[in-house]
Amino acid sequence: MLMTVRARRRSCPHTSALDAHRYIGRMIKLAYLAPAVLEKLLLQRCPLAVSLKDLTAIADLPWAEQVAAAFGSSEA
């Protein structure tokens, strides 16, 4: 991930260190997604009902609420 941030900073010289830290923080939050959300995304390839930015906010919700928030349905 660090190489991605470095490459991104080189391609856009106006990117600040603060932007890089925010980007890393958002990506780390995705590690807290419920297993059911990850399964639907990665194995079943279900499309999201929200943006990637919103998905990082959904990671703050309890696991039981994440599937409905991310996909617009309550089925796991």
PDB file of N, CA and C in Angstrom:
ATOM      1  N   MET A   1       0.821  -1.177   0.000  1.00  0.00           N
ATOM      2  CA  MET A   1       0.000   0.000   0.000  1.00  0.00           C
ATOM      3  C   MET A   1       0.872   1.251   0.000  1.00  0.00           C
ATOM      4  N   LEU A   2       1.998   1.202   0.682  1.00  0.00           N
ATOM      5  CA  LEU A   2       2.887   2.355   0.744  1.00  0.00           C
ATOM      6  C   LEU A   2       3.393   2.715  -0.645  1.00  0.00           C
ATOM      7  N   MET A   3       3.706   1.701  -1.460  1.00  0.00           N
ATOM      8  CA  MET A   3       4.163   1.989  -2.822  1.00  0.00           C
ATOM      9  C   MET A   3       3.066   2.654  -3.635  1.00  0.00           C
ATOM     10  N   THR A   4       1.830   2.248  -3.412  1.00  0.00           N
ATOM     11  CA  THR A   4       0.714   2.861  -4.119  1.00  0.00           C
ATOM     12  C   THR A   4       0.618   4.336  -3.771  1.00  0.00           C
ATOM     13  N   VAL A   5       0.750   4.653  -2.496  1.00  0.00           N
ATOM     14  CA  VAL A   5       0.682   6.049  -2.060  1.00  0.00           C
ATOM     15  C   VAL A   5       1.846   6.833  -2.635  1.00  0.00           C
ATOM     16  N   ARG A   6       3.044   6.242  -2.615  1.00  0.00           N
ATOM     17  CA  ARG A   6       4.209   6.935  -3.173  1.00  0.00           C
ATOM     18  C   ARG A   6       4.038   7.178  -4.663  1.00  0.00           C
ATOM     19  N   ALA A   7       3.577   6.172  -5.384  1.00  0.00           N
ATOM     20  CA  ALA A   7       3.365   6.326  -6.824  1.00  0.00           C
ATOM     21  C   ALA A   7       2.294   7.378  -7.086  1.00  0.00           C
ATOM     22  N   ARG A   8       1.285   7.385  -6.264  1.00  0.00           N
ATOM     23  CA  ARG A   8       0.211   8.359  -6.413  1.00  0.00           C
ATOM     24  C   ARG A   8       0.728   9.772  -6.168  1.00  0.00           C
ATOM     25  N   ARG A   9       1.594   9.930  -5.177  1.00  0.00           N
ATOM     26  CA  ARG A   9       2.142  11.245  -4.869  1.00  0.00           C
ATOM     27  C   ARG A   9       3.038  11.733  -5.998  1.00  0.00           C
ATOM     28  N   ARG A  10       3.779  10.806  -6.627  1.00  0.00           N
ATOM     29  CA  ARG A  10       4.630  11.199  -7.749  1.00  0.00           C
ATOM     30  C   ARG A  10       3.800  11.626  -8.949  1.00  0.00           C
ATOM     31  N   SER A  11       2.689  10.942  -9.175  1.00  0.00           N
ATOM     32  CA  SER A  11       1.857  11.272 -10.329  1.00  0.00           C
ATOM     33  C   SER A  11       1.084  12.572 -10.118  1.00  0.00           C
ATOM     34  N   CYS A  12       0.884  12.956  -8.889  1.00  0.00           N
ATOM     35  CA  CYS A  12       0.176  14.196  -8.572  1.00  0.00           C
ATOM     36  C   CYS A  12       1.001  14.961  -7.538  1.00  0.00           C
ATOM     37  N   PRO A  13       1.882  15.855  -7.966  1.00  0.00           N
ATOM     38  CA  PRO A  13       2.802  16.518  -7.044  1.00  0.00           C
ATOM     39  C   PRO A  13       2.112  17.400  -6.012  1.00  0.00           C
ATOM     40  N   HIS A  14       0.852  17.742  -6.227  1.00  0.00           N
ATOM     41  CA  HIS A  14       0.143  18.593  -5.280  1.00  0.00           C
ATOM     42  C   HIS A  14      -0.444  17.802  -4.115  1.00  0.00           C
ATOM     43  N   THR A  15      -0.299  16.486  -4.140  1.00  0.00           N
ATOM     44  CA  THR A  15      -0.799  15.663  -3.056  1.00  0.00           C
ATOM     45  C   THR A  15       0.086  15.861  -1.841  1.00  0.00           C
ATOM     46  N   SER A  16      -0.524  16.205  -0.741  1.00  0.00           N
ATOM     47  CA  SER A  16       0.244  16.454   0.477  1.00  0.00           C
ATOM     48  C   SER A  16       0.366  15.185   1.306  1.00  0.00           C
ATOM     49  N   ALA A  17       1.237  15.241   2.289  1.00  0.00           N
ATOM     50  CA  ALA A  17       1.396  14.118   3.210  1.00  0.00           C
ATOM     51  C   ALA A  17       0.091  13.884   3.964  1.00  0.00           C
ATOM     52  N   LEU A  18      -0.632  14.952   4.260  1.00  0.00           N
ATOM     53  CA  LEU A  18      -1.914  14.821   4.950  1.00  0.00           C
ATOM     54  C   LEU A  18      -2.909  14.046   4.097  1.00  0.00           C
ATOM     55  N   ASP A  19      -2.948  14.320   2.794  1.00  0.00           N
ATOM     56  CA  ASP A  19      -3.826  13.574   1.896  1.00  0.00           C
ATOM     57  C   ASP A  19      -3.451  12.101   1.875  1.00  0.00           C
ATOM     58  N   ALA A  20      -2.164  11.815   1.880  1.00  0.00           N
ATOM     59  CA  ALA A  20      -1.702  10.429   1.879  1.00  0.00           C
ATOM     60  C   ALA A  20      -2.135   9.724   3.153  1.00  0.00           C
ATOM     61  N   HIS A  21      -2.034  10.405   4.293  1.00  0.00           N
ATOM     62  CA  HIS A  21      -2.456   9.805   5.564  1.00  0.00           C
ATOM     63  C   HIS A  21      -3.966   9.564   5.582  1.00  0.00           C
ATOM     64  N   ARG A  22      -4.730  10.481   5.008  1.00  0.00           N
ATOM     65  CA  ARG A  22      -6.184  10.298   4.938  1.00  0.00           C
ATOM     66  C   ARG A  22      -6.529   9.098   4.060  1.00  0.00           C
ATOM     67  N   TYR A  23      -5.838   8.980   2.940  1.00  0.00           N
ATOM     68  CA  TYR A  23      -6.069   7.858   2.028  1.00  0.00           C
ATOM     69  C   TYR A  23      -5.775   6.530   2.730  1.00  0.00           C
ATOM     70  N   ILE A  24      -4.648   6.458   3.403  1.00  0.00           N
ATOM     71  CA  ILE A  24      -4.278   5.235   4.120  1.00  0.00           C
ATOM     72  C   ILE A  24      -5.298   4.939   5.208  1.00  0.00           C
ATOM     73  N   GLY A  25      -5.732   5.969   5.916  1.00  0.00           N
ATOM     74  CA  GLY A  25      -6.741   5.782   6.960  1.00  0.00           C
ATOM     75  C   GLY A  25      -8.039   5.217   6.417  1.00  0.00           C
ATOM     76  N   ARG A  26      -8.474   5.716   5.250  1.00  0.00           N
ATOM     77  CA  ARG A  26      -9.706   5.198   4.640  1.00  0.00           C
ATOM     78  C   ARG A  26      -9.535   3.745   4.228  1.00  0.00           C
ATOM     79  N   MET A  27      -8.396   3.406   3.675  1.00  0.00           N
ATOM     80  CA  MET A  27      -8.173   2.029   3.233  1.00  0.00           C
ATOM     81  C   MET A  27      -8.098   1.066   4.418  1.00  0.00           C
ATOM     82  N   ILE A  28      -7.488   1.511   5.510  1.00  0.00           N
ATOM     83  CA  ILE A  28      -7.401   0.662   6.701  1.00  0.00           C
ATOM     84  C   ILE A  28      -8.790   0.414   7.281  1.00  0.00           C
ATOM     85  N   LYS A  29      -9.675   1.415   7.224  1.00  0.00           N
ATOM     86  CA  LYS A  29     -11.031   1.235   7.748  1.00  0.00           C
ATOM     87  C   LYS A  29     -11.768   0.114   7.029  1.00  0.00           C
ATOM     88  N   LEU A  30     -11.429  -0.134   5.775  1.00  0.00           N
ATOM     89  CA  LEU A  30     -12.094  -1.198   5.024  1.00  0.00           C
ATOM     90  C   LEU A  30     -11.820  -2.575   5.617  1.00  0.00           C
ATOM     91  N   ALA A  31     -10.757  -2.690   6.411  1.00  0.00           N
ATOM     92  CA  ALA A  31     -10.450  -3.958   7.073  1.00  0.00           C
ATOM     93  C   ALA A  31     -11.484  -4.294   8.141  1.00  0.00           C
ATOM     94  N   TYR A  32     -12.282  -3.314   8.560  1.00  0.00           N
ATOM     95  CA  TYR A  32     -13.282  -3.527   9.602  1.00  0.00           C
ATOM     96  C   TYR A  32     -14.671  -3.819   9.051  1.00  0.00           C
ATOM     97  N   LEU A  33     -14.759  -4.078   7.772  1.00  0.00           N
ATOM     98  CA  LEU A  33     -16.049  -4.456   7.197  1.00  0.00           C
ATOM     99  C   LEU A  33     -16.435  -5.859   7.644  1.00  0.00           C
ATOM    100  N   ALA A  34     -17.720  -6.078   7.777  1.00  0.00           N
ATOM    101  CA  ALA A  34     -18.239  -7.383   8.188  1.00  0.00           C
ATOM    102  C   ALA A  34     -17.854  -8.454   7.170  1.00  0.00           C
ATOM    103  N   PRO A  35     -17.619  -9.676   7.636  1.00  0.00           N
ATOM    104  CA  PRO A  35     -17.307 -10.767   6.705  1.00  0.00           C
ATOM    105  C   PRO A  35     -18.386 -10.949   5.630  1.00  0.00           C
ATOM    106  N   ALA A  36     -19.639 -10.725   5.978  1.00  0.00           N
ATOM    107  CA  ALA A  36     -20.722 -10.872   4.995  1.00  0.00           C
ATOM    108  C   ALA A  36     -20.601  -9.833   3.881  1.00  0.00           C
ATOM    109  N   VAL A  37     -20.178  -8.625   4.219  1.00  0.00           N
ATOM    110  CA  VAL A  37     -19.990  -7.576   3.211  1.00  0.00           C
ATOM    111  C   VAL A  37     -18.834  -7.955   2.293  1.00  0.00           C
ATOM    112  N   LEU A  38     -17.731  -8.382   2.881  1.00  0.00           N
ATOM    113  CA  LEU A  38     -16.565  -8.768   2.083  1.00  0.00           C
ATOM    114  C   LEU A  38     -16.882  -9.943   1.169  1.00  0.00           C
ATOM    115  N   GLU A  39     -17.654 -10.907   1.680  1.00  0.00           N
ATOM    116  CA  GLU A  39     -18.021 -12.066   0.862  1.00  0.00           C
ATOM    117  C   GLU A  39     -18.861 -11.637  -0.340  1.00  0.00           C
ATOM    118  N   LYS A  40     -19.830 -10.756  -0.104  1.00  0.00           N
ATOM    119  CA  LYS A  40     -20.669 -10.295  -1.217  1.00  0.00           C
ATOM    120  C   LYS A  40     -19.857  -9.499  -2.236  1.00  0.00           C
ATOM    121  N   LEU A  41     -18.908  -8.714  -1.755  1.00  0.00           N
ATOM    122  CA  LEU A  41     -18.083  -7.909  -2.658  1.00  0.00           C
ATOM    123  C   LEU A  41     -17.103  -8.755  -3.455  1.00  0.00           C
ATOM    124  N   LEU A  42     -16.365  -9.601  -2.757  1.00  0.00           N
ATOM    125  CA  LEU A  42     -15.245 -10.304  -3.382  1.00  0.00           C
ATOM    126  C   LEU A  42     -15.621 -11.626  -4.032  1.00  0.00           C
ATOM    127  N   LEU A  43     -16.498 -12.404  -3.405  1.00  0.00           N
ATOM    128  CA  LEU A  43     -16.829 -13.718  -3.947  1.00  0.00           C
ATOM    129  C   LEU A  43     -18.056 -13.678  -4.856  1.00  0.00           C
ATOM    130  N   GLN A  44     -19.090 -12.974  -4.418  1.00  0.00           N
ATOM    131  CA  GLN A  44     -20.324 -12.926  -5.200  1.00  0.00           C
ATOM    132  C   GLN A  44     -20.336 -11.768  -6.199  1.00  0.00           C
ATOM    133  N   ARG A  45     -19.382 -10.842  -6.062  1.00  0.00           N
ATOM    134  CA  ARG A  45     -19.247  -9.689  -6.962  1.00  0.00           C
ATOM    135  C   ARG A  45     -20.530  -8.859  -7.061  1.00  0.00           C
ATOM    136  N   CYS A  46     -21.205  -8.689  -5.921  1.00  0.00           N
ATOM    137  CA  CYS A  46     -22.423  -7.875  -5.880  1.00  0.00           C
ATOM    138  C   CYS A  46     -22.054  -6.399  -5.960  1.00  0.00           C
ATOM    139  N   PRO A  47     -22.778  -5.622  -6.740  1.00  0.00           N
ATOM    140  CA  PRO A  47     -22.478  -4.183  -6.836  1.00  0.00           C
ATOM    141  C   PRO A  47     -22.912  -3.451  -5.569  1.00  0.00           C
ATOM    142  N   LEU A  48     -22.159  -2.441  -5.215  1.00  0.00           N
ATOM    143  CA  LEU A  48     -22.477  -1.623  -4.052  1.00  0.00           C
ATOM    144  C   LEU A  48     -23.600  -0.649  -4.367  1.00  0.00           C
ATOM    145  N   ALA A  49     -24.339  -0.271  -3.328  1.00  0.00           N
ATOM    146  CA  ALA A  49     -25.361   0.762  -3.466  1.00  0.00           C
ATOM    147  C   ALA A  49     -24.815   2.111  -3.015  1.00  0.00           C
ATOM    148  N   VAL A  50     -23.538   2.139  -2.603  1.00  0.00           N
ATOM    149  CA  VAL A  50     -22.909   3.362  -2.087  1.00  0.00           C
ATOM    150  C   VAL A  50     -21.534   3.541  -2.721  1.00  0.00           C
ATOM    151  N   SER A  51     -20.946   4.715  -2.511  1.00  0.00           N
ATOM    152  CA  SER A  51     -19.602   4.991  -3.022  1.00  0.00           C
ATOM    153  C   SER A  51     -18.552   4.367  -2.104  1.00  0.00           C
ATOM    154  N   LEU A  52     -17.330   4.323  -2.571  1.00  0.00           N
ATOM    155  CA  LEU A  52     -16.240   3.792  -1.761  1.00  0.00           C
ATOM    156  C   LEU A  52     -16.035   4.642  -0.511  1.00  0.00           C
ATOM    157  N   LYS A  53     -16.205   5.944  -0.642  1.00  0.00           N
ATOM    158  CA  LYS A  53     -16.082   6.838   0.517  1.00  0.00           C
ATOM    159  C   LYS A  53     -17.149   6.501   1.556  1.00  0.00           C
ATOM    160  N   ASP A  54     -18.379   6.267   1.101  1.00  0.00           N
ATOM    161  CA  ASP A  54     -19.450   5.888   2.022  1.00  0.00           C
ATOM    162  C   ASP A  54     -19.189   4.518   2.644  1.00  0.00           C
ATOM    163  N   LEU A  55     -18.561   3.641   1.894  1.00  0.00           N
ATOM    164  CA  LEU A  55     -18.255   2.311   2.410  1.00  0.00           C
ATOM    165  C   LEU A  55     -17.305   2.387   3.600  1.00  0.00           C
ATOM    166  N   THR A  56     -16.383   3.328   3.581  1.00  0.00           N
ATOM    167  CA  THR A  56     -15.489   3.479   4.733  1.00  0.00           C
ATOM    168  C   THR A  56     -16.264   3.947   5.960  1.00  0.00           C
ATOM    169  N   ALA A  57     -17.310   4.747   5.777  1.00  0.00           N
ATOM    170  CA  ALA A  57     -18.150   5.164   6.907  1.00  0.00           C
ATOM    171  C   ALA A  57     -18.998   4.000   7.403  1.00  0.00           C
ATOM    172  N   ILE A  58     -19.426   3.139   6.489  1.00  0.00           N
ATOM    173  CA  ILE A  58     -20.221   1.967   6.861  1.00  0.00           C
ATOM    174  C   ILE A  58     -19.416   1.032   7.754  1.00  0.00           C
ATOM    175  N   ALA A  59     -18.103   1.037   7.607  1.00  0.00           N
ATOM    176  CA  ALA A  59     -17.249   0.180   8.437  1.00  0.00           C
ATOM    177  C   ALA A  59     -17.378   0.512   9.916  1.00  0.00           C
ATOM    178  N   ASP A  60     -17.850   1.719  10.252  1.00  0.00           N
ATOM    179  CA  ASP A  60     -18.057   2.103  11.650  1.00  0.00           C
ATOM    180  C   ASP A  60     -19.335   1.510  12.240  1.00  0.00           C
ATOM    181  N   LEU A  61     -20.242   1.051  11.391  1.00  0.00           N
ATOM    182  CA  LEU A  61     -21.504   0.473  11.864  1.00  0.00           C
ATOM    183  C   LEU A  61     -21.274  -0.920  12.441  1.00  0.00           C
ATOM    184  N   PRO A  62     -22.199  -1.393  13.288  1.00  0.00           N
ATOM    185  CA  PRO A  62     -22.123  -2.792  13.738  1.00  0.00           C
ATOM    186  C   PRO A  62     -22.246  -3.729  12.536  1.00  0.00           C
ATOM    187  N   TRP A  63     -21.601  -4.886  12.618  1.00  0.00           N
ATOM    188  CA  TRP A  63     -21.605  -5.828  11.503  1.00  0.00           C
ATOM    189  C   TRP A  63     -23.017  -6.169  11.038  1.00  0.00           C
ATOM    190  N   ALA A  64     -23.958  -6.274  11.973  1.00  0.00           N
ATOM    191  CA  ALA A  64     -25.325  -6.658  11.621  1.00  0.00           C
ATOM    192  C   ALA A  64     -25.996  -5.636  10.705  1.00  0.00           C
ATOM    193  N   GLU A  65     -25.553  -4.387  10.731  1.00  0.00           N
ATOM    194  CA  GLU A  65     -26.170  -3.332   9.927  1.00  0.00           C
ATOM    195  C   GLU A  65     -25.415  -3.035   8.628  1.00  0.00           C
ATOM    196  N   GLN A  66     -24.220  -3.560   8.476  1.00  0.00           N
ATOM    197  CA  GLN A  66     -23.377  -3.195   7.338  1.00  0.00           C
ATOM    198  C   GLN A  66     -23.892  -3.695   5.996  1.00  0.00           C
ATOM    199  N   VAL A  67     -24.426  -4.900   5.942  1.00  0.00           N
ATOM    200  CA  VAL A  67     -24.890  -5.449   4.657  1.00  0.00           C
ATOM    201  C   VAL A  67     -26.018  -4.593   4.093  1.00  0.00           C
ATOM    202  N   ALA A  68     -26.987  -4.254   4.937  1.00  0.00           N
ATOM    203  CA  ALA A  68     -28.109  -3.431   4.478  1.00  0.00           C
ATOM    204  C   ALA A  68     -27.633  -2.048   4.047  1.00  0.00           C
ATOM    205  N   ALA A  69     -26.685  -1.486   4.773  1.00  0.00           N
ATOM    206  CA  ALA A  69     -26.185  -0.150   4.436  1.00  0.00           C
ATOM    207  C   ALA A  69     -25.384  -0.153   3.136  1.00  0.00           C
ATOM    208  N   ALA A  70     -24.627  -1.201   2.893  1.00  0.00           N
ATOM    209  CA  ALA A  70     -23.755  -1.254   1.717  1.00  0.00           C
ATOM    210  C   ALA A  70     -24.486  -1.671   0.445  1.00  0.00           C
ATOM    211  N   PHE A  71     -25.449  -2.577   0.583  1.00  0.00           N
ATOM    212  CA  PHE A  71     -26.094  -3.136  -0.603  1.00  0.00           C
ATOM    213  C   PHE A  71     -27.563  -2.767  -0.734  1.00  0.00           C
ATOM    214  N   GLY A  72     -28.101  -2.095   0.268  1.00  0.00           N
ATOM    215  CA  GLY A  72     -29.498  -1.693   0.207  1.00  0.00           C
ATOM    216  C   GLY A  72     -30.471  -2.823   0.460  1.00  0.00           C
ATOM    217  N   SER A  73     -30.009  -3.914   1.057  1.00  0.00           N
ATOM    218  CA  SER A  73     -30.884  -5.035   1.399  1.00  0.00           C
ATOM    219  C   SER A  73     -30.426  -5.621   2.718  1.00  0.00           C
ATOM    220  N   SER A  74     -31.264  -6.440   3.318  1.00  0.00           N
ATOM    221  CA  SER A  74     -30.915  -7.020   4.614  1.00  0.00           C
ATOM    222  C   SER A  74     -30.436  -8.458   4.513  1.00  0.00           C
ATOM    223  N   GLU A  75     -30.459  -9.038   3.322  1.00  0.00           N
ATOM    224  CA  GLU A  75     -30.010 -10.429   3.207  1.00  0.00           C
ATOM    225  C   GLU A  75     -28.491 -10.511   3.263  1.00  0.00           C
ATOM    226  N   ALA A  76     -27.979 -11.542   3.929  1.00  0.00           N
ATOM    227  CA  ALA A  76     -26.529 -11.708   4.110  1.00  0.00           C
ATOM    228  C   ALA A  76     -25.944 -12.608   3.070  1.00  0.00           C
TER     229      ALA A  76
END
